Amino acid sequence: MVAEIVFGGTTISNIKDVAELSGVSVATVSRVFNGYADVSEKTKRRVLEKARELDYAPSAAARTLVKQRSHLVGVVLFTGEDHPDLQHPFFQEVLVGMKHGVGALGYDLLLFATEVPGDNRGPHSYVKRVRHHQIDGVALMGVSRDDLEIQRLLESETPVITIDLEVAGGRSSYVTSDNLGGARLAVRHLHSLGHTKIATIAGPQRMKPSADRLIGYRTELHALGLPSIPGYEQEGDFYLDSGEAAMRTLLALPERPTAVFAAADMMAAGAIRAVDAAGLRVPDDVALVGFDDIQIAPMLSPALTTIRQDKVGLGMAAARSLIELIERPEELNPPVLTLPVELVVRASCGATRRQPAVEGAPRRRKEVAPRRRARG
């Protein structure tokens, strides 16, 4: 097979140049670049050395024809029509991790449009887009399992990795953080500061991270022997405005909570705004713990105590898992990976007043939930 590059109608056969300088056939050069085992190490080294001298790399088309791969990974990110999904700081960091992860393994990312095509271009279909772009595998973020097109994609032969969406078996698997354990850490920390009236601003319960964090909140309340108080579970959507609205509701309760666990830092930021608007203060009147540790968390006023998840690490783990699904199609039941989380203590919970930080040292304390690895 000859890999060619075309400029203005003139064809330059770089692979022929590599073959001539290496003293081997074009077919041998092709076999070197496509990983065949029947080429001697001495020949491989000579071919690769000459290729470097010529700054030659085989075309994507050549690799695709030989290995039936495009080395393209699709990404579907959708958090609802009213939400700027790409602007959410959590997804931004996960995408950075995915870019690093797939890039290190020789792949590129293609971000899928989630809008329904207009101009009579046919129905919306992820499977159709996978085939059109010759995508090797797909990563899913923020989507719903109830989406019919997501179901069709999962039922296809396409390798699929999801982030925070529980699927497993066949050609799919998922990576997530220890959301349940992180929520328990948050409640336990607030209780250790003397709080017994602990409320939560949960995320949308159709999403696995939200459901797990609410379960963790309830589990730790029960373990600590704390009562479940009516109205103390409010639901938001992971964005600022919903956190503000939920906190206003909590502050209006006859038995106002003294502490709140917000299941996302963006909602915690909204909660701080609601407390300020009510003429109260965090943490004097309401202690607050978030989840995610996004970049603005330490810049809020007060700085936000939160459960840190490794967002870049999630993206990198998803990338590695997806490439493994692509390159090892014979493996059944690919592993499900759960990354650990940690408690980062800042001012919003009030703990730094009781435990003054050493001058010049960061005001935070870490407590880590253990890493778990399971088989899907």
Protein backbone atom coordinates (compact mmCIF):
# COMPACT_ATOMS: atom_id res chain seq x y z
CA MET A 1 0.00 0.00 0.00
CA VAL A 2 1.30 3.45 -0.92
CA ALA A 3 0.45 6.39 1.32
CA GLU A 4 0.44 9.60 -0.68
CA ILE A 5 0.18 13.33 -0.03
CA VAL A 6 -1.30 15.59 -2.71
CA PHE A 7 -0.43 19.29 -3.13
CA GLY A 8 -2.19 21.22 -5.91
CA GLY A 9 -2.61 18.15 -8.06
CA THR A 10 1.01 16.96 -7.65
CA THR A 11 1.45 13.67 -5.85
CA ILE A 12 4.46 13.21 -3.54
CA SER A 13 5.04 9.57 -2.57
CA ASN A 14 6.99 10.02 0.63
CA ILE A 15 6.73 6.36 1.48
CA LYS A 16 8.75 5.59 -1.65
CA ASP A 17 11.50 7.94 -0.47
CA VAL A 18 11.60 6.16 2.90
CA ALA A 19 11.78 2.79 1.14
CA GLU A 20 14.61 3.88 -1.18
CA LEU A 21 16.72 5.37 1.63
CA SER A 22 16.09 2.33 3.83
CA GLY A 23 16.93 -0.16 1.09
CA VAL A 24 13.63 -1.99 1.47
CA SER A 25 10.37 -2.27 -0.44
CA VAL A 26 7.39 0.06 -0.08
CA ALA A 27 5.44 -2.91 1.30
CA THR A 28 8.03 -3.38 4.07
CA VAL A 29 7.80 0.28 5.08
CA SER A 30 4.03 -0.07 5.21
CA ARG A 31 4.31 -3.16 7.40
CA VAL A 32 6.64 -1.34 9.79
CA PHE A 33 4.20 1.53 10.28
CA ASN A 34 1.25 -0.79 10.68
CA GLY A 35 2.84 -2.90 13.39
CA TYR A 36 3.33 -6.23 11.65
CA ALA A 37 5.45 -8.67 13.64
CA ASP A 38 7.22 -10.28 10.67
CA VAL A 39 9.70 -7.41 10.21
CA SER A 40 13.07 -7.69 11.96
CA GLU A 41 13.99 -5.19 14.67
CA LYS A 42 17.02 -4.11 12.65
CA THR A 43 14.86 -3.30 9.65
CA LYS A 44 12.29 -1.50 11.80
CA ARG A 45 14.97 0.72 13.33
CA ARG A 46 16.43 1.57 9.91
CA VAL A 47 13.03 2.42 8.42
CA LEU A 48 11.97 4.54 11.41
CA GLU A 49 15.30 6.40 11.39
CA LYS A 50 14.94 7.30 7.70
CA ALA A 51 11.31 8.27 8.24
CA ARG A 52 12.38 10.69 10.97
CA GLU A 53 15.00 12.20 8.68
CA LEU A 54 12.31 12.83 6.06
CA ASP A 55 9.75 13.97 8.66
CA TYR A 56 7.41 11.32 7.25
CA ALA A 57 4.30 9.93 8.90
CA PRO A 58 1.80 7.57 7.25
CA SER A 59 -1.46 9.20 6.25
CA ALA A 60 -4.63 8.59 8.23
CA ALA A 61 -6.17 7.12 5.10
CA ALA A 62 -3.39 4.55 4.82
CA ARG A 63 -3.73 3.51 8.46
CA THR A 64 -7.49 3.26 8.13
CA LEU A 65 -7.32 1.00 5.08
CA VAL A 66 -4.81 -1.34 6.66
CA LYS A 67 -6.17 -1.54 10.21
CA GLN A 68 -9.76 -0.44 9.52
CA ARG A 69 -9.25 2.41 12.00
CA SER A 70 -9.41 6.16 11.62
CA HIS A 71 -7.76 6.91 14.98
CA LEU A 72 -10.63 9.29 15.65
CA VAL A 73 -12.59 9.26 18.92
CA GLY A 74 -15.99 10.94 19.02
CA VAL A 75 -17.22 12.89 22.05
CA VAL A 76 -20.90 13.47 22.80
CA LEU A 77 -21.50 16.14 25.45
CA PHE A 78 -25.06 17.22 26.18
CA THR A 79 -26.44 18.68 29.41
CA GLY A 80 -29.79 20.00 28.18
CA GLU A 81 -31.05 22.65 25.79
CA ASP A 82 -30.86 25.47 28.36
CA HIS A 83 -27.34 24.73 29.61
CA PRO A 84 -24.02 25.84 28.06
CA ASP A 85 -22.45 22.39 28.38
CA LEU A 86 -19.02 23.29 26.99
CA GLN A 87 -18.82 26.25 29.36
CA HIS A 88 -19.34 24.19 32.51
CA PRO A 89 -15.96 24.08 34.30
CA PHE A 90 -16.31 20.38 35.21
CA PHE A 91 -16.68 19.28 31.59
CA GLN A 92 -13.92 21.60 30.45
CA GLU A 93 -11.38 19.87 32.68
CA VAL A 94 -12.63 16.40 31.75
CA LEU A 95 -12.22 17.27 28.06
CA VAL A 96 -8.65 18.45 28.74
CA GLY A 97 -7.92 15.05 30.29
CA MET A 98 -9.47 13.24 27.33
CA LYS A 99 -7.42 15.27 24.86
CA HIS A 100 -4.21 14.42 26.70
CA GLY A 101 -5.22 10.78 27.05
CA VAL A 102 -6.18 10.04 23.45
CA GLY A 103 -3.35 12.19 22.09
CA ALA A 104 -0.75 10.20 24.00
CA LEU A 105 -2.14 7.04 22.39
CA GLY A 106 -2.11 8.39 18.84
CA TYR A 107 -5.77 9.34 18.49
CA ASP A 108 -7.66 12.59 17.90
CA LEU A 109 -10.96 13.92 19.27
CA LEU A 110 -14.01 14.86 17.23
CA LEU A 111 -16.72 16.73 19.15
CA PHE A 112 -20.17 15.71 17.94
CA ALA A 113 -22.91 18.27 17.43
CA THR A 114 -25.94 17.35 19.54
CA GLU A 115 -28.40 19.58 17.71
CA VAL A 116 -31.00 18.05 15.42
CA PRO A 117 -29.93 18.74 11.81
CA GLY A 118 -31.96 21.27 9.86
CA ASP A 119 -32.41 21.88 6.11
CA ASN A 120 -33.84 18.40 5.54
CA ARG A 121 -30.51 16.74 6.26
CA GLY A 122 -32.17 13.72 7.79
CA PRO A 123 -32.92 12.63 11.35
CA HIS A 124 -30.55 13.11 14.27
CA SER A 125 -28.44 9.96 14.68
CA TYR A 126 -25.18 9.36 16.55
CA VAL A 127 -24.79 5.98 14.85
CA LYS A 128 -25.05 7.67 11.46
CA ARG A 129 -22.39 10.21 12.45
CA VAL A 130 -20.08 7.48 13.71
CA ARG A 131 -20.27 5.72 10.36
CA HIS A 132 -19.97 8.92 8.34
CA HIS A 133 -16.77 10.00 10.10
CA GLN A 134 -15.41 6.44 10.50
CA ILE A 135 -15.17 6.93 14.27
CA ASP A 136 -13.34 4.18 16.18
CA GLY A 137 -15.10 4.78 19.51
CA VAL A 138 -17.26 7.28 21.37
CA ALA A 139 -17.13 8.93 24.81
CA LEU A 140 -20.42 10.09 26.34
CA MET A 141 -20.80 12.87 28.93
CA GLY A 142 -23.86 14.52 30.45
CA VAL A 143 -26.30 12.50 28.35
CA SER A 144 -29.38 10.60 29.47
CA ARG A 145 -29.81 6.85 29.13
CA ASP A 146 -33.40 7.59 28.13
CA ASP A 147 -32.23 9.23 24.91
CA LEU A 148 -33.24 6.85 22.12
CA GLU A 149 -30.20 7.76 20.02
CA ILE A 150 -27.89 7.00 22.94
CA GLN A 151 -29.57 3.60 23.30
CA ARG A 152 -29.01 2.88 19.61
CA LEU A 153 -25.36 3.85 19.91
CA LEU A 154 -24.89 1.56 22.92
CA GLU A 155 -26.53 -1.30 21.03
CA SER A 156 -24.28 -0.83 17.99
CA GLU A 157 -20.86 -2.41 17.54
CA THR A 158 -19.16 0.90 18.36
CA PRO A 159 -16.92 0.87 21.47
CA VAL A 160 -18.43 3.32 23.99
CA ILE A 161 -17.05 4.72 27.24
CA THR A 162 -19.25 6.88 29.43
CA ILE A 163 -18.35 9.29 32.20
CA ASP A 164 -20.73 9.18 35.17
CA LEU A 165 -23.32 7.15 33.25
CA GLU A 166 -23.65 3.54 34.34
CA VAL A 167 -23.36 1.19 31.38
CA ALA A 168 -21.31 -1.98 31.19
CA GLY A 169 -20.76 -5.13 29.17
CA GLY A 170 -20.29 -5.85 25.51
CA ARG A 171 -18.55 -2.94 23.81
CA SER A 172 -19.13 -0.37 26.56
CA SER A 173 -17.94 0.57 30.03
CA TYR A 174 -17.73 3.67 32.24
CA VAL A 175 -15.54 5.69 34.57
CA THR A 176 -16.76 7.72 37.53
CA SER A 177 -15.71 9.27 40.82
CA ASP A 178 -16.60 7.94 44.27
CA ASN A 179 -19.67 10.15 44.46
CA LEU A 180 -21.32 8.23 47.27
CA GLY A 181 -18.17 8.21 49.39
CA GLY A 182 -17.55 11.89 48.69
CA ALA A 183 -21.02 12.87 49.90
CA ARG A 184 -20.45 10.88 53.08
CA LEU A 185 -17.16 12.73 53.63
CA ALA A 186 -18.94 16.07 53.30
CA VAL A 187 -21.69 15.22 55.80
CA ARG A 188 -19.24 13.64 58.24
CA HIS A 189 -17.08 16.74 58.15
CA LEU A 190 -19.99 19.08 58.84
CA HIS A 191 -21.10 16.87 61.72
CA SER A 192 -17.56 16.92 63.15
CA LEU A 193 -17.91 20.71 63.37
CA GLY A 194 -20.97 20.32 65.58
CA HIS A 195 -23.78 20.51 63.00
CA THR A 196 -26.84 18.27 63.34
CA LYS A 197 -29.23 20.14 61.03
CA ILE A 198 -27.57 19.34 57.70
CA ALA A 199 -29.48 19.86 54.45
CA THR A 200 -28.49 19.10 50.87
CA ILE A 201 -28.91 20.68 47.46
CA ALA A 202 -28.89 17.58 45.26
CA GLY A 203 -28.36 17.40 41.52
CA PRO A 204 -30.87 16.06 38.96
CA GLN A 205 -31.73 12.54 40.06
CA ARG A 206 -31.85 11.15 36.52
CA MET A 207 -28.05 11.39 36.57
CA LYS A 208 -25.95 8.76 38.34
CA PRO A 209 -23.56 11.18 40.15
CA SER A 210 -26.53 13.09 41.58
CA ALA A 211 -28.31 9.94 42.71
CA ASP A 212 -25.13 8.55 44.30
CA ARG A 213 -24.41 11.81 46.16
CA LEU A 214 -27.94 11.89 47.55
CA ILE A 215 -27.60 8.26 48.65
CA GLY A 216 -24.30 9.14 50.31
CA TYR A 217 -25.89 12.09 52.10
CA ARG A 218 -28.73 9.92 53.42
CA THR A 219 -26.42 7.04 54.33
CA GLU A 220 -24.13 9.23 56.42
CA LEU A 221 -27.03 10.96 58.19
CA HIS A 222 -28.30 7.51 59.19
CA ALA A 223 -24.82 6.33 60.26
CA LEU A 224 -24.45 9.41 62.48
CA GLY A 225 -27.92 8.99 63.96
CA LEU A 226 -29.11 12.33 62.57
CA PRO A 227 -32.78 12.91 61.74
CA SER A 228 -34.10 13.34 58.20
CA ILE A 229 -35.88 16.70 58.43
CA PRO A 230 -38.71 17.53 55.98
CA GLY A 231 -37.66 19.98 53.30
CA TYR A 232 -33.94 19.40 53.82
CA GLU A 233 -33.50 17.71 50.42
CA GLN A 234 -33.73 20.25 47.59
CA GLU A 235 -32.93 19.49 43.96
CA GLY A 236 -30.98 21.66 41.53
CA ASP A 237 -29.45 21.12 38.10
CA PHE A 238 -25.69 21.58 38.77
CA TYR A 239 -25.87 25.25 37.73
CA LEU A 240 -25.68 28.46 39.76
CA ASP A 241 -29.28 29.69 39.54
CA SER A 242 -30.72 26.41 40.78
CA GLY A 243 -28.40 26.46 43.78
CA GLU A 244 -29.52 29.97 44.63
CA ALA A 245 -33.21 29.01 44.37
CA ALA A 246 -32.74 25.88 46.48
CA MET A 247 -30.92 27.80 49.21
CA ARG A 248 -33.70 30.40 49.34
CA THR A 249 -36.15 27.55 49.96
CA LEU A 250 -33.97 26.10 52.72
CA LEU A 251 -33.59 29.47 54.43
CA ALA A 252 -37.38 29.90 54.45
CA LEU A 253 -38.00 26.63 56.34
CA PRO A 254 -39.40 26.87 59.90
CA GLU A 255 -36.36 24.90 61.09
CA ARG A 256 -33.53 26.42 59.10
CA PRO A 257 -30.48 24.19 58.52
CA THR A 258 -27.17 25.26 60.01
CA ALA A 259 -25.18 23.46 57.33
CA VAL A 260 -25.70 22.52 53.67
CA PHE A 261 -23.99 20.03 51.39
CA ALA A 262 -24.33 21.19 47.78
CA ALA A 263 -23.77 18.40 45.26
CA ALA A 264 -21.86 20.71 42.88
CA ASP A 265 -19.66 23.76 43.35
CA MET A 266 -21.69 25.80 40.88
CA MET A 267 -24.80 25.24 43.01
CA ALA A 268 -22.76 26.08 46.12
CA ALA A 269 -21.81 29.40 44.51
CA GLY A 270 -25.49 30.12 43.97
CA ALA A 271 -26.20 29.14 47.58
CA ILE A 272 -23.64 31.67 48.82
CA ARG A 273 -25.37 34.35 46.77
CA ALA A 274 -28.75 33.46 48.32
CA VAL A 275 -27.33 33.59 51.85
CA ASP A 276 -25.81 37.02 51.19
CA ALA A 277 -29.10 38.27 49.72
CA ALA A 278 -30.92 37.16 52.88
CA GLY A 279 -28.62 39.29 55.03
CA LEU A 280 -26.87 36.23 56.44
CA ARG A 281 -23.30 35.00 56.24
CA VAL A 282 -21.44 31.85 55.28
CA PRO A 283 -20.25 30.17 57.49
CA ASP A 284 -21.51 32.16 60.50
CA ASP A 285 -25.18 31.41 59.83
CA VAL A 286 -24.93 28.52 57.37
CA ALA A 287 -21.86 26.31 56.85
CA LEU A 288 -21.41 25.08 53.28
CA VAL A 289 -19.59 22.25 51.49
CA GLY A 290 -19.61 21.76 47.70
CA PHE A 291 -18.52 19.02 45.31
CA ASP A 292 -16.05 19.09 42.35
CA ASP A 293 -13.38 21.64 43.38
CA ILE A 294 -13.67 23.67 40.18
CA GLN A 295 -11.14 26.40 39.57
CA ILE A 296 -13.26 29.19 41.07
CA ALA A 297 -13.87 27.30 44.36
CA PRO A 298 -10.94 28.88 46.25
CA MET A 299 -11.77 32.30 44.76
CA LEU A 300 -15.33 32.47 46.10
CA SER A 301 -16.03 34.57 49.19
CA PRO A 302 -15.71 32.74 51.46
CA ALA A 303 -13.43 30.20 49.80
CA LEU A 304 -15.38 27.01 49.27
CA THR A 305 -14.81 23.82 51.23
CA THR A 306 -15.51 21.06 48.74
CA ILE A 307 -15.09 17.44 47.69
CA ARG A 308 -12.39 17.38 45.05
CA GLN A 309 -12.68 14.94 42.20
CA ASP A 310 -9.86 14.44 39.71
CA LYS A 311 -11.57 15.85 36.63
CA VAL A 312 -8.56 15.70 34.33
CA GLY A 313 -7.92 12.20 35.66
CA LEU A 314 -11.48 11.20 34.76
CA GLY A 315 -10.90 12.31 31.19
CA MET A 316 -7.59 10.50 30.94
CA ALA A 317 -9.03 7.33 32.45
CA ALA A 318 -11.95 7.48 30.01
CA ALA A 319 -9.54 7.92 27.11
CA ARG A 320 -7.38 4.95 28.14
CA SER A 321 -10.41 2.74 28.71
CA LEU A 322 -11.94 3.65 25.35
CA ILE A 323 -8.72 2.99 23.44
CA GLU A 324 -8.49 -0.37 25.22
CA LEU A 325 -12.02 -1.20 24.06
CA ILE A 326 -11.05 -0.21 20.52
CA GLU A 327 -7.76 -2.09 20.35
CA ARG A 328 -8.78 -5.17 22.36
CA PRO A 329 -12.21 -6.06 20.96
CA GLU A 330 -11.89 -9.63 22.19
CA GLU A 331 -11.95 -8.63 25.87
CA LEU A 332 -15.31 -9.19 27.55
CA ASN A 333 -16.60 -7.31 30.60
CA PRO A 334 -14.17 -4.37 30.44
CA PRO A 335 -13.33 -2.92 33.86
CA VAL A 336 -15.35 -0.16 35.47
CA LEU A 337 -13.10 2.41 37.13
CA THR A 338 -14.03 4.50 40.18
CA LEU A 339 -11.60 7.30 41.02
CA PRO A 340 -11.09 8.44 44.63
CA VAL A 341 -12.16 11.85 45.92
CA GLU A 342 -10.85 14.03 48.75
CA LEU A 343 -12.16 16.65 51.13
CA VAL A 344 -10.53 20.07 50.72
CA VAL A 345 -11.21 22.31 53.73
CA ARG A 346 -11.42 26.05 53.21
CA ALA A 347 -13.41 28.83 54.89
CA SER A 348 -17.03 28.15 53.91
CA CYS A 349 -17.54 25.38 56.47
CA GLY A 350 -16.08 27.37 59.38
CA ALA A 351 -13.40 24.79 60.17
CA THR A 352 -10.47 27.13 59.49
CA ARG A 353 -11.53 29.28 62.44
CA ARG A 354 -11.24 26.32 64.77
CA GLN A 355 -8.07 25.01 63.15
CA PRO A 356 -6.03 28.08 62.11
CA ALA A 357 -3.66 27.35 59.26
CA VAL A 358 0.06 27.91 59.71
CA GLU A 359 1.00 31.26 58.23
CA GLY A 360 2.04 30.88 54.62
CA ALA A 361 0.49 27.39 54.33
CA PRO A 362 -2.68 26.71 52.32
CA ARG A 363 -5.84 26.60 54.43
CA ARG A 364 -7.02 23.14 53.62
CA ARG A 365 -7.08 19.64 55.00
CA LYS A 366 -7.47 16.52 52.91
CA GLU A 367 -9.41 13.40 53.64
CA VAL A 368 -9.54 10.80 50.92
CA ALA A 369 -12.16 8.22 50.01
CA PRO A 370 -10.48 4.99 48.84
CA ARG A 371 -10.12 4.08 45.17
CA ARG A 372 -12.35 1.30 43.91
CA ARG A 373 -12.07 -0.85 40.80
CA ALA A 374 -14.78 -3.23 39.74
CA ARG A 375 -15.58 -5.45 36.86
CA GLY A 376 -18.54 -4.49 34.70
